[in-house]
N, C-alpha and C. Protein backbone atom coordinates (compact mmCIF):
# COMPACT_ATOMS: atom_id res chain seq x y z
N MET A 1 194.71 -20.94 -11.77
CA MET A 1 193.91 -21.93 -11.08
C MET A 1 192.82 -22.42 -12.03
N GLY A 2 192.40 -23.63 -11.77
CA GLY A 2 191.38 -24.24 -12.59
C GLY A 2 191.43 -25.74 -12.45
N TRP A 3 191.04 -26.43 -13.47
CA TRP A 3 191.09 -27.89 -13.43
C TRP A 3 191.44 -28.41 -14.81
N ILE A 4 191.92 -29.64 -14.83
CA ILE A 4 192.22 -30.32 -16.08
C ILE A 4 191.93 -31.80 -15.88
N THR A 5 191.36 -32.44 -16.87
CA THR A 5 191.16 -33.88 -16.85
C THR A 5 192.14 -34.48 -17.83
N LEU A 6 192.86 -35.49 -17.39
CA LEU A 6 193.91 -36.09 -18.21
C LEU A 6 193.68 -37.59 -18.31
N ALA A 7 193.79 -38.14 -19.51
CA ALA A 7 193.71 -39.58 -19.72
C ALA A 7 195.04 -40.02 -20.33
N THR A 8 195.61 -41.07 -19.76
CA THR A 8 196.88 -41.60 -20.24
C THR A 8 196.77 -43.10 -20.43
N PHE A 9 197.63 -43.63 -21.30
CA PHE A 9 197.62 -45.06 -21.61
C PHE A 9 199.05 -45.55 -21.69
N SER A 10 199.27 -46.83 -21.33
CA SER A 10 200.58 -47.43 -21.53
C SER A 10 200.76 -47.67 -23.03
N GLU A 11 201.98 -47.95 -23.44
CA GLU A 11 202.25 -48.13 -24.87
C GLU A 11 201.42 -49.25 -25.48
N ASP A 12 201.16 -50.31 -24.70
CA ASP A 12 200.37 -51.43 -25.23
C ASP A 12 198.86 -51.26 -24.96
N SER A 13 198.47 -50.14 -24.37
CA SER A 13 197.07 -49.79 -24.07
C SER A 13 196.40 -50.73 -23.07
N ARG A 14 197.19 -51.53 -22.36
CA ARG A 14 196.61 -52.44 -21.37
C ARG A 14 196.40 -51.74 -20.03
N HIS A 15 197.09 -50.63 -19.83
CA HIS A 15 196.99 -49.90 -18.56
C HIS A 15 196.52 -48.48 -18.89
N GLN A 16 195.48 -48.05 -18.20
CA GLN A 16 194.92 -46.72 -18.45
C GLN A 16 194.74 -45.98 -17.14
N LEU A 17 194.89 -44.68 -17.18
CA LEU A 17 194.69 -43.83 -16.01
C LEU A 17 193.99 -42.56 -16.46
N THR A 18 192.93 -42.21 -15.78
CA THR A 18 192.24 -40.95 -16.03
C THR A 18 192.07 -40.28 -14.67
N PHE A 19 192.42 -39.00 -14.60
CA PHE A 19 192.24 -38.29 -13.34
C PHE A 19 191.93 -36.83 -13.60
N ASN A 20 191.30 -36.23 -12.60
CA ASN A 20 190.98 -34.81 -12.63
C ASN A 20 191.93 -34.12 -11.68
N TYR A 21 192.60 -33.09 -12.16
CA TYR A 21 193.61 -32.36 -11.38
C TYR A 21 193.12 -30.95 -11.17
N ASN A 22 192.93 -30.56 -9.91
CA ASN A 22 192.43 -29.22 -9.58
C ASN A 22 193.58 -28.34 -9.11
N GLY A 23 193.58 -27.09 -9.51
CA GLY A 23 194.59 -26.15 -9.05
C GLY A 23 195.50 -25.70 -10.17
N ASP A 24 196.74 -25.46 -9.82
CA ASP A 24 197.75 -24.98 -10.76
C ASP A 24 198.04 -26.07 -11.80
N TRP A 25 198.03 -25.74 -13.06
CA TRP A 25 198.22 -26.72 -14.13
C TRP A 25 199.68 -27.01 -14.40
N GLU A 26 200.55 -26.49 -13.60
CA GLU A 26 201.98 -26.69 -13.79
C GLU A 26 202.33 -28.17 -13.82
N ALA A 27 203.18 -28.59 -14.74
CA ALA A 27 203.53 -29.99 -14.93
C ALA A 27 204.15 -30.61 -13.68
N SER A 28 204.79 -29.81 -12.85
CA SER A 28 205.42 -30.36 -11.65
C SER A 28 204.41 -31.02 -10.73
N GLY A 29 203.14 -30.66 -10.83
CA GLY A 29 202.11 -31.30 -10.02
C GLY A 29 201.54 -32.55 -10.65
N ILE A 30 201.65 -32.68 -11.96
CA ILE A 30 201.09 -33.83 -12.67
C ILE A 30 202.09 -34.98 -12.76
N PHE A 31 203.38 -34.67 -12.94
CA PHE A 31 204.39 -35.71 -13.11
C PHE A 31 204.46 -36.71 -11.95
N PRO A 32 204.34 -36.28 -10.69
CA PRO A 32 204.37 -37.28 -9.61
C PRO A 32 203.24 -38.30 -9.70
N ILE A 33 202.07 -37.86 -10.18
CA ILE A 33 200.95 -38.79 -10.35
C ILE A 33 201.28 -39.82 -11.43
N LEU A 34 201.79 -39.34 -12.56
CA LEU A 34 202.14 -40.25 -13.65
C LEU A 34 203.27 -41.19 -13.26
N ASN A 35 204.28 -40.66 -12.58
CA ASN A 35 205.40 -41.50 -12.15
C ASN A 35 204.94 -42.59 -11.19
N ALA A 36 204.06 -42.25 -10.26
CA ALA A 36 203.56 -43.23 -9.30
C ALA A 36 202.76 -44.34 -9.99
N GLU A 37 202.09 -43.99 -11.06
CA GLU A 37 201.23 -44.97 -11.74
C GLU A 37 202.00 -45.83 -12.73
N TYR A 38 202.96 -45.26 -13.45
CA TYR A 38 203.58 -45.98 -14.56
C TYR A 38 205.03 -46.39 -14.35
N CYS A 39 205.74 -45.77 -13.43
CA CYS A 39 207.16 -46.08 -13.27
C CYS A 39 207.36 -47.23 -12.30
N ASP A 40 208.41 -47.99 -12.55
CA ASP A 40 208.74 -49.10 -11.66
C ASP A 40 209.08 -48.58 -10.28
N THR A 41 208.80 -49.41 -9.27
CA THR A 41 209.19 -49.07 -7.91
C THR A 41 210.71 -49.13 -7.81
N PRO A 42 211.34 -48.14 -7.25
CA PRO A 42 212.80 -48.18 -7.12
C PRO A 42 213.25 -49.41 -6.33
N SER A 43 214.38 -49.99 -6.72
CA SER A 43 214.87 -51.18 -6.01
C SER A 43 215.14 -50.81 -4.56
N GLY A 44 214.80 -51.75 -3.69
CA GLY A 44 214.98 -51.51 -2.27
C GLY A 44 213.73 -50.97 -1.61
N SER A 45 212.74 -50.58 -2.39
CA SER A 45 211.48 -50.09 -1.83
C SER A 45 210.47 -51.22 -1.82
N SER A 46 209.53 -51.14 -0.88
CA SER A 46 208.49 -52.17 -0.84
C SER A 46 207.18 -51.65 -1.33
């Protein structure tokens, strides 16, 4: 348990995300945040 602050950038540096994540540092908890921010919306979703 603990916390981590993470800063990420898109390849062209036009999009940035910084967040503080509290709890288990396991990647399975961080990937959904990154996917929601940077990945395209699946087709058929609004």
